[in-house]
Amino acid sequence: MRITYDGNADAAYIYLIDRIGQGEVAKTSVAGHGSPALNSINLDFDADGRLLGIEVLGAGRALKEETLQGAERIDRRR
């Protein structure tokens, strides 16, 4: 499992497999959605219904600080 975090977007992605290939996500389901002040959680599934990853918007509010500190920072790549 790998977690990435973009501090500029305040979004995290939790990969449940090593890599998600282009076009591999067949369906995204919204698991939690609130106002812009709250977090939203999106679940990505493959064509066979297997869960590939979890996108967390508003990650700074939804995840523990130590989780974000241990995540790969993708906002610093730019």
PDB file of N, CA and C in Angstrom:
ATOM      1  N   MET A   1       0.853  -1.175   0.000  1.00  0.00           N
ATOM      2  CA  MET A   1       0.000   0.000   0.000  1.00  0.00           C
ATOM      3  C   MET A   1       0.894   1.231   0.000  1.00  0.00           C
ATOM      4  N   ARG A   2       0.490   2.220  -0.778  1.00  0.00           N
ATOM      5  CA  ARG A   2       1.244   3.463  -0.899  1.00  0.00           C
ATOM      6  C   ARG A   2       0.255   4.615  -0.811  1.00  0.00           C
ATOM      7  N   ILE A   3       0.697   5.719  -0.187  1.00  0.00           N
ATOM      8  CA  ILE A   3      -0.147   6.907  -0.058  1.00  0.00           C
ATOM      9  C   ILE A   3       0.600   8.094  -0.642  1.00  0.00           C
ATOM     10  N   THR A   4      -0.079   8.851  -1.503  1.00  0.00           N
ATOM     11  CA  THR A   4       0.472  10.105  -1.999  1.00  0.00           C
ATOM     12  C   THR A   4      -0.377  11.243  -1.443  1.00  0.00           C
ATOM     13  N   TYR A   5       0.261  12.422  -1.335  1.00  0.00           N
ATOM     14  CA  TYR A   5      -0.458  13.589  -0.812  1.00  0.00           C
ATOM     15  C   TYR A   5      -0.029  14.826  -1.578  1.00  0.00           C
ATOM     16  N   ASP A   6      -0.999  15.587  -2.051  1.00  0.00           N
ATOM     17  CA  ASP A   6      -0.776  16.870  -2.710  1.00  0.00           C
ATOM     18  C   ASP A   6      -1.305  17.945  -1.771  1.00  0.00           C
ATOM     19  N   GLY A   7      -0.390  18.648  -1.109  1.00  0.00           N
ATOM     20  CA  GLY A   7      -0.776  19.675  -0.155  1.00  0.00           C
ATOM     21  C   GLY A   7      -1.462  20.861  -0.803  1.00  0.00           C
ATOM     22  N   ASN A   8      -1.113  21.163  -2.066  1.00  0.00           N
ATOM     23  CA  ASN A   8      -1.754  22.279  -2.762  1.00  0.00           C
ATOM     24  C   ASN A   8      -3.241  22.008  -2.977  1.00  0.00           C
ATOM     25  N   ALA A   9      -3.576  20.768  -3.298  1.00  0.00           N
ATOM     26  CA  ALA A   9      -4.972  20.383  -3.520  1.00  0.00           C
ATOM     27  C   ALA A   9      -5.614  19.817  -2.256  1.00  0.00           C
ATOM     28  N   ASP A  10      -4.812  19.582  -1.219  1.00  0.00           N
ATOM     29  CA  ASP A  10      -5.248  18.913   0.013  1.00  0.00           C
ATOM     30  C   ASP A  10      -5.955  17.604  -0.326  1.00  0.00           C
ATOM     31  N   ALA A  11      -5.302  16.813  -1.195  1.00  0.00           N
ATOM     32  CA  ALA A  11      -5.859  15.541  -1.644  1.00  0.00           C
ATOM     33  C   ALA A  11      -4.836  14.430  -1.442  1.00  0.00           C
ATOM     34  N   ALA A  12      -5.310  13.300  -0.964  1.00  0.00           N
ATOM     35  CA  ALA A  12      -4.458  12.124  -0.790  1.00  0.00           C
ATOM     36  C   ALA A  12      -5.031  10.990  -1.624  1.00  0.00           C
ATOM     37  N   TYR A  13      -4.132  10.082  -2.031  1.00  0.00           N
ATOM     38  CA  TYR A  13      -4.577   8.885  -2.740  1.00  0.00           C
ATOM     39  C   TYR A  13      -3.935   7.687  -2.077  1.00  0.00           C
ATOM     40  N   ILE A  14      -4.753   6.722  -1.723  1.00  0.00           N
ATOM     41  CA  ILE A  14      -4.285   5.494  -1.083  1.00  0.00           C
ATOM     42  C   ILE A  14      -4.351   4.384  -2.128  1.00  0.00           C
ATOM     43  N   TYR A  15      -3.176   3.941  -2.584  1.00  0.00           N
ATOM     44  CA  TYR A  15      -3.077   2.870  -3.573  1.00  0.00           C
ATOM     45  C   TYR A  15      -3.150   1.532  -2.846  1.00  0.00           C
ATOM     46  N   LEU A  16      -4.096   0.692  -3.216  1.00  0.00           N
ATOM     47  CA  LEU A  16      -4.223  -0.627  -2.615  1.00  0.00           C
ATOM     48  C   LEU A  16      -3.483  -1.688  -3.424  1.00  0.00           C
ATOM     49  N   ILE A  17      -3.001  -1.299  -4.606  1.00  0.00           N
ATOM     50  CA  ILE A  17      -2.144  -2.142  -5.432  1.00  0.00           C
ATOM     51  C   ILE A  17      -0.909  -1.316  -5.767  1.00  0.00           C
ATOM     52  N   ASP A  18       0.132  -1.964  -6.286  1.00  0.00           N
ATOM     53  CA  ASP A  18       1.389  -1.262  -6.553  1.00  0.00           C
ATOM     54  C   ASP A  18       1.234  -0.102  -7.522  1.00  0.00           C
ATOM     55  N   ARG A  19       0.503  -0.326  -8.594  1.00  0.00           N
ATOM     56  CA  ARG A  19       0.376   0.694  -9.625  1.00  0.00           C
ATOM     57  C   ARG A  19      -0.984   0.551 -10.286  1.00  0.00           C
ATOM     58  N   ILE A  20      -1.598   1.668 -10.617  1.00  0.00           N
ATOM     59  CA  ILE A  20      -2.870   1.661 -11.338  1.00  0.00           C
ATOM     60  C   ILE A  20      -2.577   2.155 -12.746  1.00  0.00           C
ATOM     61  N   GLY A  21      -2.751   1.279 -13.722  1.00  0.00           N
ATOM     62  CA  GLY A  21      -2.465   1.623 -15.106  1.00  0.00           C
ATOM     63  C   GLY A  21      -3.531   2.518 -15.711  1.00  0.00           C
ATOM     64  N   GLN A  22      -3.131   3.190 -16.799  1.00  0.00           N
ATOM     65  CA  GLN A  22      -4.058   4.067 -17.498  1.00  0.00           C
ATOM     66  C   GLN A  22      -5.254   3.249 -17.991  1.00  0.00           C
ATOM     67  N   GLY A  23      -6.430   3.695 -17.696  1.00  0.00           N
ATOM     68  CA  GLY A  23      -7.651   3.021 -18.105  1.00  0.00           C
ATOM     69  C   GLY A  23      -8.064   1.854 -17.220  1.00  0.00           C
ATOM     70  N   GLU A  24      -7.280   1.567 -16.186  1.00  0.00           N
ATOM     71  CA  GLU A  24      -7.594   0.431 -15.313  1.00  0.00           C
ATOM     72  C   GLU A  24      -8.797   0.703 -14.405  1.00  0.00           C
ATOM     73  N   VAL A  25      -9.007   1.965 -14.048  1.00  0.00           N
ATOM     74  CA  VAL A  25     -10.166   2.313 -13.214  1.00  0.00           C
ATOM     75  C   VAL A  25     -11.406   2.310 -14.104  1.00  0.00           C
ATOM     76  N   ALA A  26     -12.320   1.403 -13.804  1.00  0.00           N
ATOM     77  CA  ALA A  26     -13.547   1.281 -14.594  1.00  0.00           C
ATOM     78  C   ALA A  26     -14.703   2.049 -13.974  1.00  0.00           C
ATOM     79  N   LYS A  27     -14.645   2.241 -12.650  1.00  0.00           N
ATOM     80  CA  LYS A  27     -15.752   2.912 -11.967  1.00  0.00           C
ATOM     81  C   LYS A  27     -15.229   3.623 -10.729  1.00  0.00           C
ATOM     82  N   THR A  28     -15.736   4.814 -10.489  1.00  0.00           N
ATOM     83  CA  THR A  28     -15.443   5.560  -9.266  1.00  0.00           C
ATOM     84  C   THR A  28     -16.756   5.796  -8.538  1.00  0.00           C
ATOM     85  N   SER A  29     -16.786   5.409  -7.273  1.00  0.00           N
ATOM     86  CA  SER A  29     -17.980   5.607  -6.447  1.00  0.00           C
ATOM     87  C   SER A  29     -17.669   6.611  -5.348  1.00  0.00           C
ATOM     88  N   VAL A  30     -18.582   7.537  -5.123  1.00  0.00           N
ATOM     89  CA  VAL A  30     -18.422   8.510  -4.049  1.00  0.00           C
ATOM     90  C   VAL A  30     -18.898   7.854  -2.761  1.00  0.00           C
ATOM     91  N   ALA A  31     -17.983   7.753  -1.791  1.00  0.00           N
ATOM     92  CA  ALA A  31     -18.322   7.116  -0.514  1.00  0.00           C
ATOM     93  C   ALA A  31     -18.702   8.141   0.537  1.00  0.00           C
ATOM     94  N   GLY A  32     -18.193   9.325   0.414  1.00  0.00           N
ATOM     95  CA  GLY A  32     -18.521  10.375   1.367  1.00  0.00           C
ATOM     96  C   GLY A  32     -18.449  11.705   0.667  1.00  0.00           C
ATOM     97  N   HIS A  33     -19.424  12.532   0.884  1.00  0.00           N
ATOM     98  CA  HIS A  33     -19.428  13.832   0.220  1.00  0.00           C
ATOM     99  C   HIS A  33     -20.117  14.833   1.136  1.00  0.00           C
ATOM    100  N   GLY A  34     -19.482  15.948   1.289  1.00  0.00           N
ATOM    101  CA  GLY A  34     -20.076  16.987   2.122  1.00  0.00           C
ATOM    102  C   GLY A  34     -19.899  18.341   1.474  1.00  0.00           C
ATOM    103  N   SER A  35     -19.989  19.368   2.255  1.00  0.00           N
ATOM    104  CA  SER A  35     -19.770  20.719   1.763  1.00  0.00           C
ATOM    105  C   SER A  35     -18.286  20.880   1.456  1.00  0.00           C
ATOM    106  N   PRO A  36     -17.891  21.948   0.753  1.00  0.00           N
ATOM    107  CA  PRO A  36     -16.470  22.160   0.467  1.00  0.00           C
ATOM    108  C   PRO A  36     -15.598  22.204   1.721  1.00  0.00           C
ATOM    109  N   ALA A  37     -16.179  22.492   2.852  1.00  0.00           N
ATOM    110  CA  ALA A  37     -15.406  22.533   4.099  1.00  0.00           C
ATOM    111  C   ALA A  37     -15.150  21.133   4.655  1.00  0.00           C
ATOM    112  N   LEU A  38     -15.849  20.135   4.119  1.00  0.00           N
ATOM    113  CA  LEU A  38     -15.698  18.761   4.592  1.00  0.00           C
ATOM    114  C   LEU A  38     -14.965  17.935   3.551  1.00  0.00           C
ATOM    115  N   ASN A  39     -14.659  16.700   3.910  1.00  0.00           N
ATOM    116  CA  ASN A  39     -13.935  15.837   2.995  1.00  0.00           C
ATOM    117  C   ASN A  39     -14.883  15.048   2.092  1.00  0.00           C
ATOM    118  N   SER A  40     -14.328  14.563   1.002  1.00  0.00           N
ATOM    119  CA  SER A  40     -15.036  13.684   0.085  1.00  0.00           C
ATOM    120  C   SER A  40     -14.131  12.486  -0.170  1.00  0.00           C
ATOM    121  N   ILE A  41     -14.692  11.297  -0.208  1.00  0.00           N
ATOM    122  CA  ILE A  41     -13.920  10.076  -0.412  1.00  0.00           C
ATOM    123  C   ILE A  41     -14.460   9.371  -1.645  1.00  0.00           C
ATOM    124  N   ASN A  42     -13.561   9.077  -2.587  1.00  0.00           N
ATOM    125  CA  ASN A  42     -13.922   8.411  -3.826  1.00  0.00           C
ATOM    126  C   ASN A  42     -13.213   7.069  -3.902  1.00  0.00           C
ATOM    127  N   LEU A  43     -13.953   6.024  -4.250  1.00  0.00           N
ATOM    128  CA  LEU A  43     -13.412   4.675  -4.342  1.00  0.00           C
ATOM    129  C   LEU A  43     -13.265   4.296  -5.812  1.00  0.00           C
ATOM    130  N   ASP A  44     -12.071   3.857  -6.218  1.00  0.00           N
ATOM    131  CA  ASP A  44     -11.806   3.458  -7.598  1.00  0.00           C
ATOM    132  C   ASP A  44     -11.789   1.934  -7.710  1.00  0.00           C
ATOM    133  N   PHE A  45     -12.576   1.405  -8.659  1.00  0.00           N
ATOM    134  CA  PHE A  45     -12.706  -0.036  -8.873  1.00  0.00           C
ATOM    135  C   PHE A  45     -12.274  -0.407 -10.288  1.00  0.00           C
ATOM    136  N   ASP A  46     -11.778  -1.641 -10.451  1.00  0.00           N
ATOM    137  CA  ASP A  46     -11.477  -2.135 -11.790  1.00  0.00           C
ATOM    138  C   ASP A  46     -12.737  -2.755 -12.396  1.00  0.00           C
ATOM    139  N   ALA A  47     -12.612  -3.289 -13.608  1.00  0.00           N
ATOM    140  CA  ALA A  47     -13.769  -3.836 -14.322  1.00  0.00           C
ATOM    141  C   ALA A  47     -14.377  -5.050 -13.622  1.00  0.00           C
ATOM    142  N   ASP A  48     -13.598  -5.725 -12.774  1.00  0.00           N
ATOM    143  CA  ASP A  48     -14.100  -6.888 -12.040  1.00  0.00           C
ATOM    144  C   ASP A  48     -14.644  -6.527 -10.667  1.00  0.00           C
ATOM    145  N   GLY A  49     -14.706  -5.230 -10.371  1.00  0.00           N
ATOM    146  CA  GLY A  49     -15.251  -4.779  -9.098  1.00  0.00           C
ATOM    147  C   GLY A  49     -14.269  -4.782  -7.943  1.00  0.00           C
ATOM    148  N   ARG A  50     -12.978  -4.985  -8.243  1.00  0.00           N
ATOM    149  CA  ARG A  50     -11.964  -4.966  -7.179  1.00  0.00           C
ATOM    150  C   ARG A  50     -11.563  -3.522  -6.874  1.00  0.00           C
ATOM    151  N   LEU A  51     -11.444  -3.225  -5.597  1.00  0.00           N
ATOM    152  CA  LEU A  51     -11.055  -1.889  -5.146  1.00  0.00           C
ATOM    153  C   LEU A  51      -9.569  -1.685  -5.401  1.00  0.00           C
ATOM    154  N   LEU A  52      -9.233  -0.627  -6.158  1.00  0.00           N
ATOM    155  CA  LEU A  52      -7.849  -0.324  -6.515  1.00  0.00           C
ATOM    156  C   LEU A  52      -7.245   0.754  -5.632  1.00  0.00           C
ATOM    157  N   GLY A  53      -8.041   1.766  -5.313  1.00  0.00           N
ATOM    158  CA  GLY A  53      -7.513   2.879  -4.548  1.00  0.00           C
ATOM    159  C   GLY A  53      -8.616   3.765  -4.004  1.00  0.00           C
ATOM    160  N   ILE A  54      -8.193   4.662  -3.119  1.00  0.00           N
ATOM    161  CA  ILE A  54      -9.120   5.554  -2.424  1.00  0.00           C
ATOM    162  C   ILE A  54      -8.582   6.977  -2.517  1.00  0.00           C
ATOM    163  N   GLU A  55      -9.379   7.881  -3.073  1.00  0.00           N
ATOM    164  CA  GLU A  55      -9.015   9.295  -3.139  1.00  0.00           C
ATOM    165  C   GLU A  55      -9.699  10.011  -1.981  1.00  0.00           C
ATOM    166  N   VAL A  56      -8.930  10.806  -1.253  1.00  0.00           N
ATOM    167  CA  VAL A  56      -9.472  11.547  -0.117  1.00  0.00           C
ATOM    168  C   VAL A  56      -9.272  13.033  -0.382  1.00  0.00           C
ATOM    169  N   LEU A  57     -10.353  13.748  -0.634  1.00  0.00           N
ATOM    170  CA  LEU A  57     -10.306  15.200  -0.812  1.00  0.00           C
ATOM    171  C   LEU A  57     -10.556  15.828   0.548  1.00  0.00           C
ATOM    172  N   GLY A  58      -9.833  16.889   0.856  1.00  0.00           N
ATOM    173  CA  GLY A  58      -9.900  17.443   2.204  1.00  0.00           C
ATOM    174  C   GLY A  58      -9.118  16.559   3.159  1.00  0.00           C
ATOM    175  N   ALA A  59      -8.015  16.010   2.655  1.00  0.00           N
ATOM    176  CA  ALA A  59      -7.231  15.028   3.410  1.00  0.00           C
ATOM    177  C   ALA A  59      -6.685  15.584   4.719  1.00  0.00           C
ATOM    178  N   GLY A  60      -6.396  16.870   4.763  1.00  0.00           N
ATOM    179  CA  GLY A  60      -5.876  17.474   5.984  1.00  0.00           C
ATOM    180  C   GLY A  60      -6.853  17.385   7.144  1.00  0.00           C
ATOM    181  N   ARG A  61      -8.136  17.312   6.831  1.00  0.00           N
ATOM    182  CA  ARG A  61      -9.162  17.176   7.866  1.00  0.00           C
ATOM    183  C   ARG A  61      -9.568  15.724   8.076  1.00  0.00           C
ATOM    184  N   ALA A  62      -9.443  14.910   7.032  1.00  0.00           N
ATOM    185  CA  ALA A  62      -9.957  13.538   7.099  1.00  0.00           C
ATOM    186  C   ALA A  62      -8.946  12.522   7.620  1.00  0.00           C
ATOM    187  N   LEU A  63      -7.654  12.797   7.433  1.00  0.00           N
ATOM    188  CA  LEU A  63      -6.621  11.831   7.812  1.00  0.00           C
ATOM    189  C   LEU A  63      -5.776  12.360   8.959  1.00  0.00           C
ATOM    190  N   LYS A  64      -5.203  11.451   9.709  1.00  0.00           N
ATOM    191  CA  LYS A  64      -4.326  11.854  10.814  1.00  0.00           C
ATOM    192  C   LYS A  64      -3.050  12.482  10.264  1.00  0.00           C
ATOM    193  N   GLU A  65      -2.494  13.414  11.014  1.00  0.00           N
ATOM    194  CA  GLU A  65      -1.286  14.126  10.599  1.00  0.00           C
ATOM    195  C   GLU A  65      -0.142  13.158  10.307  1.00  0.00           C
ATOM    196  N   GLU A  66       0.021  12.122  11.131  1.00  0.00           N
ATOM    197  CA  GLU A  66       1.118  11.175  10.901  1.00  0.00           C
ATOM    198  C   GLU A  66       0.934  10.398   9.600  1.00  0.00           C
ATOM    199  N   THR A  67      -0.298  10.204   9.176  1.00  0.00           N
ATOM    200  CA  THR A  67      -0.554   9.558   7.887  1.00  0.00           C
ATOM    201  C   THR A  67      -0.075  10.453   6.759  1.00  0.00           C
ATOM    202  N   LEU A  68      -0.392  11.737   6.838  1.00  0.00           N
ATOM    203  CA  LEU A  68       0.034  12.680   5.803  1.00  0.00           C
ATOM    204  C   LEU A  68       1.540  12.874   5.819  1.00  0.00           C
ATOM    205  N   GLN A  69       2.151  12.889   6.989  1.00  0.00           N
ATOM    206  CA  GLN A  69       3.600  13.043   7.081  1.00  0.00           C
ATOM    207  C   GLN A  69       4.329  11.868   6.454  1.00  0.00           C
ATOM    208  N   GLY A  70       3.752  10.672   6.529  1.00  0.00           N
ATOM    209  CA  GLY A  70       4.369   9.489   5.947  1.00  0.00           C
ATOM    210  C   GLY A  70       4.069   9.299   4.469  1.00  0.00           C
ATOM    211  N   ALA A  71       3.191  10.129   3.920  1.00  0.00           N
ATOM    212  CA  ALA A  71       2.802   9.999   2.515  1.00  0.00           C
ATOM    213  C   ALA A  71       3.876  10.570   1.599  1.00  0.00           C
ATOM    214  N   GLU A  72       3.912  10.060   0.379  1.00  0.00           N
ATOM    215  CA  GLU A  72       4.791  10.601  -0.663  1.00  0.00           C
ATOM    216  C   GLU A  72       4.204  11.936  -1.112  1.00  0.00           C
ATOM    217  N   ARG A  73       4.975  13.007  -0.980  1.00  0.00           N
ATOM    218  CA  ARG A  73       4.483  14.344  -1.336  1.00  0.00           C
ATOM    219  C   ARG A  73       4.629  14.564  -2.836  1.00  0.00           C
ATOM    220  N   ILE A  74       3.515  14.664  -3.538  1.00  0.00           N
ATOM    221  CA  ILE A  74       3.579  14.886  -4.976  1.00  0.00           C
ATOM    222  C   ILE A  74       3.514  16.368  -5.331  1.00  0.00           C
ATOM    223  N   ASP A  75       3.166  17.225  -4.369  1.00  0.00           N
ATOM    224  CA  ASP A  75       3.149  18.667  -4.633  1.00  0.00           C
ATOM    225  C   ASP A  75       4.565  19.224  -4.689  1.00  0.00           C
ATOM    226  N   ARG A  76       5.530  18.531  -4.158  1.00  0.00           N
ATOM    227  CA  ARG A  76       6.916  19.005  -4.139  1.00  0.00           C
ATOM    228  C   ARG A  76       7.690  18.601  -5.380  1.00  0.00           C
ATOM    229  N   ARG A  77       7.099  17.805  -6.249  1.00  0.00           N
ATOM    230  CA  ARG A  77       7.759  17.368  -7.483  1.00  0.00           C
ATOM    231  C   ARG A  77       7.801  18.468  -8.526  1.00  0.00           C
ATOM    232  N   ARG A  78       6.910  19.426  -8.425  1.00  0.00           N
ATOM    233  CA  ARG A  78       6.726  20.425  -9.485  1.00  0.00           C
ATOM    234  C   ARG A  78       7.825  21.432  -9.506  1.00  0.00           C
TER     235      ARG A  78
END
